[in-house]
PDB file of N, CA and C in Angstrom:
ATOM      1  N   MET A   1      13.901 114.762-114.024  1.00  0.00           N
ATOM      2  CA  MET A   1      14.321 115.181-115.345  1.00  0.00           C
ATOM      3  C   MET A   1      14.515 116.692-115.409  1.00  0.00           C
ATOM      4  N   LEU A   2      13.664 117.401-114.689  1.00  0.00           N
ATOM      5  CA  LEU A   2      13.737 118.861-114.696  1.00  0.00           C
ATOM      6  C   LEU A   2      15.050 119.352-114.086  1.00  0.00           C
ATOM      7  N   ILE A   3      15.521 118.659-113.053  1.00  0.00           N
ATOM      8  CA  ILE A   3      16.762 119.078-112.398  1.00  0.00           C
ATOM      9  C   ILE A   3      17.950 118.878-113.344  1.00  0.00           C
ATOM     10  N   LYS A   4      17.916 117.832-114.166  1.00  0.00           N
ATOM     11  CA  LYS A   4      19.003 117.591-115.116  1.00  0.00           C
ATOM     12  C   LYS A   4      19.075 118.714-116.154  1.00  0.00           C
ATOM     13  N   ILE A   5      17.915 119.122-116.629  1.00  0.00           N
ATOM     14  CA  ILE A   5      17.868 120.207-117.612  1.00  0.00           C
ATOM     15  C   ILE A   5      18.370 121.504-116.995  1.00  0.00           C
ATOM     16  N   ALA A   6      17.975 121.761-115.745  1.00  0.00           N
ATOM     17  CA  ALA A   6      18.412 122.982-115.065  1.00  0.00           C
ATOM     18  C   ALA A   6      19.926 122.986-114.853  1.00  0.00           C
ATOM     19  N   VAL A   7      20.488 121.852-114.474  1.00  0.00           N
ATOM     20  CA  VAL A   7      21.938 121.761-114.251  1.00  0.00           C
ATOM     21  C   VAL A   7      22.692 121.956-115.562  1.00  0.00           C
ATOM     22  N   ILE A   8      22.230 121.322-116.622  1.00  0.00           N
ATOM     23  CA  ILE A   8      22.901 121.465-117.918  1.00  0.00           C
ATOM     24  C   ILE A   8      22.805 122.903-118.413  1.00  0.00           C
ATOM     25  N   LEU A   9      21.639 123.520-118.245  1.00  0.00           N
ATOM     26  CA  LEU A   9      21.464 124.917-118.639  1.00  0.00           C
ATOM     27  C   LEU A   9      22.393 125.837-117.852  1.00  0.00           C
ATOM     28  N   MET A  10      22.509 125.605-116.557  1.00  0.00           N
ATOM     29  CA  MET A  10      23.399 126.426-115.732  1.00  0.00           C
ATOM     30  C   MET A  10      24.858 126.243-116.156  1.00  0.00           C
ATOM     31  N   LEU A  11      25.257 125.020-116.455  1.00  0.00           N
ATOM     32  CA  LEU A  11      26.631 124.784-116.888  1.00  0.00           C
ATOM     33  C   LEU A  11      26.924 125.472-118.221  1.00  0.00           C
ATOM     34  N   VAL A  12      25.954 125.455-119.122  1.00  0.00           N
ATOM     35  CA  VAL A  12      26.126 126.143-120.399  1.00  0.00           C
ATOM     36  C   VAL A  12      26.252 127.651-120.176  1.00  0.00           C
ATOM     37  N   LEU A  13      25.424 128.201-119.287  1.00  0.00           N
ATOM     38  CA  LEU A  13      25.512 129.631-118.984  1.00  0.00           C
ATOM     39  C   LEU A  13      26.846 129.990-118.327  1.00  0.00           C
ATOM     40  N   ILE A  14      27.339 129.128-117.461  1.00  0.00           N
ATOM     41  CA  ILE A  14      28.633 129.371-116.812  1.00  0.00           C
ATOM     42  C   ILE A  14      29.750 129.379-117.855  1.00  0.00           C
ATOM     43  N   LEU A  15      29.724 128.412-118.766  1.00  0.00           N
ATOM     44  CA  LEU A  15      30.750 128.369-119.808  1.00  0.00           C
ATOM     45  C   LEU A  15      30.637 129.561-120.758  1.00  0.00           C
ATOM     46  N   ALA A  16      29.420 129.985-121.065  1.00  0.00           N
ATOM     47  CA  ALA A  16      29.232 131.149-121.934  1.00  0.00           C
ATOM     48  C   ALA A  16      29.775 132.409-121.264  1.00  0.00           C
ATOM     49  N   SER A  17      29.546 132.548-119.981  1.00  0.00           N
ATOM     50  CA  SER A  17      30.060 133.707-119.255  1.00  0.00           C
ATOM     51  C   SER A  17      31.588 133.686-119.210  1.00  0.00           C
ATOM     52  N   LEU A  18      32.153 132.511-119.003  1.00  0.00           N
ATOM     53  CA  LEU A  18      33.609 132.394-118.975  1.00  0.00           C
ATOM     54  C   LEU A  18      34.205 132.728-120.340  1.00  0.00           C
ATOM     55  N   PHE A  19      33.572 132.256-121.410  1.00  0.00           N
ATOM     56  CA  PHE A  19      34.063 132.551-122.754  1.00  0.00           C
ATOM     57  C   PHE A  19      33.922 134.041-123.071  1.00  0.00           C
ATOM     58  N   SER A  20      32.813 134.654-122.647  1.00  0.00           N
ATOM     59  CA  SER A  20      32.644 136.087-122.911  1.00  0.00           C
ATOM     60  C   SER A  20      33.688 136.900-122.141  1.00  0.00           C
ATOM     61  N   ALA A  21      34.051 136.454-120.944  1.00  0.00           N
ATOM     62  CA  ALA A  21      35.107 137.142-120.201  1.00  0.00           C
ATOM     63  C   ALA A  21      36.436 137.057-120.952  1.00  0.00           C
ATOM     64  N   LEU A  22      36.708 135.915-121.554  1.00  0.00           N
ATOM     65  CA  LEU A  22      37.930 135.762-122.339  1.00  0.00           C
ATOM     66  C   LEU A  22      37.923 136.700-123.542  1.00  0.00           C
ATOM     67  N   VAL A  23      36.785 136.801-124.207  1.00  0.00           N
ATOM     68  CA  VAL A  23      36.669 137.695-125.366  1.00  0.00           C
ATOM     69  C   VAL A  23      36.852 139.144-124.934  1.00  0.00           C
ATOM     70  N   PHE A  24      36.215 139.536-123.830  1.00  0.00           N
ATOM     71  CA  PHE A  24      36.345 140.909-123.334  1.00  0.00           C
ATOM     72  C   PHE A  24      37.781 141.213-122.911  1.00  0.00           C
ATOM     73  N   LEU A  25      38.441 140.231-122.304  1.00  0.00           N
ATOM     74  CA  LEU A  25      39.831 140.425-121.901  1.00  0.00           C
ATOM     75  C   LEU A  25      40.714 140.651-123.122  1.00  0.00           C
ATOM     76  N   TYR A  26      40.453 139.905-124.175  1.00  0.00           N
ATOM     77  CA  TYR A  26      41.238 140.046-125.405  1.00  0.00           C
ATOM     78  C   TYR A  26      40.978 141.393-126.080  1.00  0.00           C
ATOM     79  N   ARG A  27      39.715 141.777-126.167  1.00  0.00           N
ATOM     80  CA  ARG A  27      39.367 143.017-126.872  1.00  0.00           C
ATOM     81  C   ARG A  27      39.761 144.274-126.087  1.00  0.00           C
ATOM     82  N   ASP A  28      39.530 144.261-124.777  1.00  0.00           N
ATOM     83  CA  ASP A  28      39.811 145.447-123.956  1.00  0.00           C
ATOM     84  C   ASP A  28      41.267 145.521-123.506  1.00  0.00           C
ATOM     85  N   LYS A  29      42.003 144.453-123.708  1.00  0.00           N
ATOM     86  CA  LYS A  29      43.402 144.353-123.290  1.00  0.00           C
ATOM     87  C   LYS A  29      43.572 144.613-121.787  1.00  0.00           C
ATOM     88  N   GLY A  30      42.582 144.180-121.003  1.00  0.00           N
ATOM     89  CA  GLY A  30      42.665 144.275-119.546  1.00  0.00           C
ATOM     90  C   GLY A  30      42.354 145.638-118.973  1.00  0.00           C
ATOM     91  N   ARG A  31      41.874 146.573-119.770  1.00  0.00           N
ATOM     92  CA  ARG A  31      41.629 147.924-119.271  1.00  0.00           C
ATOM     93  C   ARG A  31      40.164 148.204-118.967  1.00  0.00           C
ATOM     94  N   GLY A  32      39.264 147.335-119.388  1.00  0.00           N
ATOM     95  CA  GLY A  32      37.842 147.590-119.196  1.00  0.00           C
ATOM     96  C   GLY A  32      37.289 146.866-117.978  1.00  0.00           C
ATOM     97  N   THR A  33      36.026 147.127-117.698  1.00  0.00           N
ATOM     98  CA  THR A  33      35.374 146.462-116.571  1.00  0.00           C
ATOM     99  C   THR A  33      34.483 145.316-117.027  1.00  0.00           C
ATOM    100  N   ARG A  34      34.362 145.125-118.340  1.00  0.00           N
ATOM    101  CA  ARG A  34      33.479 144.060-118.831  1.00  0.00           C
ATOM    102  C   ARG A  34      33.975 142.673-118.439  1.00  0.00           C
ATOM    103  N   THR A  35      35.285 142.485-118.378  1.00  0.00           N
ATOM    104  CA  THR A  35      35.830 141.183-117.978  1.00  0.00           C
ATOM    105  C   THR A  35      35.446 140.864-116.544  1.00  0.00           C
ATOM    106  N   ALA A  36      35.591 141.836-115.665  1.00  0.00           N
ATOM    107  CA  ALA A  36      35.250 141.622-114.258  1.00  0.00           C
ATOM    108  C   ALA A  36      33.759 141.355-114.089  1.00  0.00           C
ATOM    109  N   LYS A  37      32.932 142.047-114.850  1.00  0.00           N
ATOM    110  CA  LYS A  37      31.487 141.820-114.765  1.00  0.00           C
ATOM    111  C   LYS A  37      31.123 140.421-115.251  1.00  0.00           C
ATOM    112  N   ALA A  38      31.742 139.970-116.329  1.00  0.00           N
ATOM    113  CA  ALA A  38      31.463 138.623-116.842  1.00  0.00           C
ATOM    114  C   ALA A  38      31.915 137.558-115.851  1.00  0.00           C
ATOM    115  N   LEU A  39      33.057 137.773-115.219  1.00  0.00           N
ATOM    116  CA  LEU A  39      33.527 136.805-114.221  1.00  0.00           C
ATOM    117  C   LEU A  39      32.660 136.843-112.967  1.00  0.00           C
ATOM    118  N   THR A  40      32.131 138.009-112.629  1.00  0.00           N
ATOM    119  CA  THR A  40      31.210 138.115-111.496  1.00  0.00           C
ATOM    120  C   THR A  40      29.925 137.335-111.789  1.00  0.00           C
ATOM    121  N   TRP A  41      29.435 137.431-113.021  1.00  0.00           N
ATOM    122  CA  TRP A  41      28.278 136.634-113.414  1.00  0.00           C
ATOM    123  C   TRP A  41      28.570 135.144-113.305  1.00  0.00           C
ATOM    124  N   ARG A  42      29.776 134.751-113.706  1.00  0.00           N
ATOM    125  CA  ARG A  42      30.138 133.329-113.625  1.00  0.00           C
ATOM    126  C   ARG A  42      30.125 132.855-112.186  1.00  0.00           C
ATOM    127  N   ILE A  43      30.659 133.651-111.282  1.00  0.00           N
ATOM    128  CA  ILE A  43      30.674 133.274-109.871  1.00  0.00           C
ATOM    129  C   ILE A  43      29.253 133.179-109.327  1.00  0.00           C
ATOM    130  N   GLY A  44      28.428 134.142-109.687  1.00  0.00           N
ATOM    131  CA  GLY A  44      27.038 134.108-109.238  1.00  0.00           C
ATOM    132  C   GLY A  44      26.288 132.891-109.756  1.00  0.00           C
ATOM    133  N   LEU A  45      26.507 132.561-111.021  1.00  0.00           N
ATOM    134  CA  LEU A  45      25.867 131.373-111.588  1.00  0.00           C
ATOM    135  C   LEU A  45      26.377 130.092-110.940  1.00  0.00           C
ATOM    136  N   SER A  46      27.655 130.040-110.628  1.00  0.00           N
ATOM    137  CA  SER A  46      28.220 128.858-109.976  1.00  0.00           C
ATOM    138  C   SER A  46      27.650 128.674-108.582  1.00  0.00           C
ATOM    139  N   ILE A  47      27.527 129.755-107.837  1.00  0.00           N
ATOM    140  CA  ILE A  47      26.950 129.678-106.495  1.00  0.00           C
ATOM    141  C   ILE A  47      25.481 129.278-106.577  1.00  0.00           C
ATOM    142  N   THR A  48      24.758 129.823-107.557  1.00  0.00           N
ATOM    143  CA  THR A  48      23.356 129.464-107.739  1.00  0.00           C
ATOM    144  C   THR A  48      23.208 127.984-108.075  1.00  0.00           C
ATOM    145  N   LEU A  49      24.084 127.465-108.922  1.00  0.00           N
ATOM    146  CA  LEU A  49      24.052 126.039-109.254  1.00  0.00           C
ATOM    147  C   LEU A  49      24.320 125.192-108.021  1.00  0.00           C
ATOM    148  N   PHE A  50      25.297 125.578-107.227  1.00  0.00           N
ATOM    149  CA  PHE A  50      25.610 124.839-106.003  1.00  0.00           C
ATOM    150  C   PHE A  50      24.406 124.828-105.061  1.00  0.00           C
ATOM    151  N   LEU A  51      23.769 125.984-104.879  1.00  0.00           N
ATOM    152  CA  LEU A  51      22.601 126.060-103.995  1.00  0.00           C
ATOM    153  C   LEU A  51      21.434 125.255-104.557  1.00  0.00           C
ATOM    154  N   LEU A  52      21.276 125.254-105.877  1.00  0.00           N
ATOM    155  CA  LEU A  52      20.231 124.462-106.511  1.00  0.00           C
ATOM    156  C   LEU A  52      20.456 122.969-106.267  1.00  0.00           C
ATOM    157  N   LEU A  53      21.687 122.525-106.386  1.00  0.00           N
ATOM    158  CA  LEU A  53      21.995 121.116-106.134  1.00  0.00           C
ATOM    159  C   LEU A  53      21.778 120.752-104.674  1.00  0.00           C
ATOM    160  N   MET A  54      22.178 121.638-103.769  1.00  0.00           N
ATOM    161  CA  MET A  54      21.982 121.376-102.344  1.00  0.00           C
ATOM    162  C   MET A  54      20.490 121.336-101.991  1.00  0.00           C
ATOM    163  N   ALA A  55      19.706 122.242-102.559  1.00  0.00           N
ATOM    164  CA  ALA A  55      18.264 122.251-102.309  1.00  0.00           C
ATOM    165  C   ALA A  55      17.608 121.005-102.896  1.00  0.00           C
ATOM    166  N   GLY A  56      18.038 120.601-104.080  1.00  0.00           N
ATOM    167  CA  GLY A  56      17.501 119.393-104.690  1.00  0.00           C
ATOM    168  C   GLY A  56      17.775 118.156-103.861  1.00  0.00           C
ATOM    169  N   TYR A  57      18.936 118.089-103.273  1.00  0.00           N
ATOM    170  CA  TYR A  57      19.276 116.961-102.397  1.00  0.00           C
ATOM    171  C   TYR A  57      18.453 117.026-101.117  1.00  0.00           C
ATOM    172  N   HIS A  58      18.328 118.222-100.548  1.00  0.00           N
ATOM    173  CA  HIS A  58      17.607 118.390 -99.283  1.00  0.00           C
ATOM    174  C   HIS A  58      16.129 118.041 -99.423  1.00  0.00           C
ATOM    175  N   PHE A  59      15.505 118.437-100.521  1.00  0.00           N
ATOM    176  CA  PHE A  59      14.085 118.196-100.715  1.00  0.00           C
ATOM    177  C   PHE A  59      13.778 116.864-101.392  1.00  0.00           C
ATOM    178  N   GLY A  60      14.804 116.068-101.658  1.00  0.00           N
ATOM    179  CA  GLY A  60      14.593 114.731-102.192  1.00  0.00           C
ATOM    180  C   GLY A  60      14.455 114.646-103.696  1.00  0.00           C
ATOM    181  N   ILE A  61      14.711 115.726-104.400  1.00  0.00           N
ATOM    182  CA  ILE A  61      14.633 115.691-105.862  1.00  0.00           C
ATOM    183  C   ILE A  61      15.821 114.915-106.425  1.00  0.00           C
ATOM    184  N   ILE A  62      16.967 115.072-105.805  1.00  0.00           N
ATOM    185  CA  ILE A  62      18.162 114.327-106.162  1.00  0.00           C
ATOM    186  C   ILE A  62      18.358 113.240-105.111  1.00  0.00           C
ATOM    187  N   PRO A  63      18.304 111.966-105.496  1.00  0.00           N
ATOM    188  CA  PRO A  63      18.436 110.894-104.503  1.00  0.00           C
ATOM    189  C   PRO A  63      19.847 110.821-103.944  1.00  0.00           C
ATOM    190  N   PRO A  64      19.982 110.399-102.676  1.00  0.00           N
ATOM    191  CA  PRO A  64      21.310 110.366-102.045  1.00  0.00           C
ATOM    192  C   PRO A  64      22.272 109.381-102.682  1.00  0.00           C
ATOM    193  N   GLN A  65      21.793 108.296-103.271  1.00  0.00           N
ATOM    194  CA  GLN A  65      22.671 107.295-103.857  1.00  0.00           C
ATOM    195  C   GLN A  65      23.002 107.557-105.314  1.00  0.00           C
ATOM    196  N   GLY A  66      22.494 108.624-105.895  1.00  0.00           N
ATOM    197  CA  GLY A  66      22.767 108.926-107.290  1.00  0.00           C
ATOM    198  C   GLY A  66      21.767 108.247-108.204  1.00  0.00           C
ATOM    199  N   LEU A  67      22.117 108.114-109.454  1.00  0.00           N
ATOM    200  CA  LEU A  67      21.175 107.580-110.434  1.00  0.00           C
ATOM    201  C   LEU A  67      21.334 106.085-110.691  1.00  0.00           C
ATOM    202  N   ASN A  68      22.458 105.509-110.267  1.00  0.00           N
ATOM    203  CA  ASN A  68      22.736 104.093-110.487  1.00  0.00           C
ATOM    204  C   ASN A  68      22.611 103.714-111.958  1.00  0.00           C
ATOM    205  N   VAL A  69      23.267 104.451-112.796  1.00  0.00           N
ATOM    206  CA  VAL A  69      23.191 104.235-114.240  1.00  0.00           C
ATOM    207  C   VAL A  69      23.927 102.952-114.636  1.00  0.00           C
ATOM    208  N   LEU A  70      24.973 102.593-113.936  1.00  0.00           N
ATOM    209  CA  LEU A  70      25.799 101.450-114.322  1.00  0.00           C
ATOM    210  C   LEU A  70      25.200 100.122-113.885  1.00  0.00           C
ATOM    211  N   ARG A  71      24.193 100.114-113.044  1.00  0.00           N
ATOM    212  CA  ARG A  71      23.631  98.854-112.560  1.00  0.00           C
ATOM    213  C   ARG A  71      22.562  98.331-113.461  1.00  0.00           C
TER     214      ARG A  71
END
């Protein structure tokens, strides 16, 4: 259950960073560095999420066959 909360939280943070980059791009009209910083945060969060998922699979927190919700 903890891994699900962590994944959802990371996805929300990634979307928030992407939206803030859009806002900064609109306000700065492409001349500032805030857009690049927000997109850099998004990339870092995405890589962290990927590594978290890989570690969860490796240590057995995420089962190899998935959750089998439809069965």
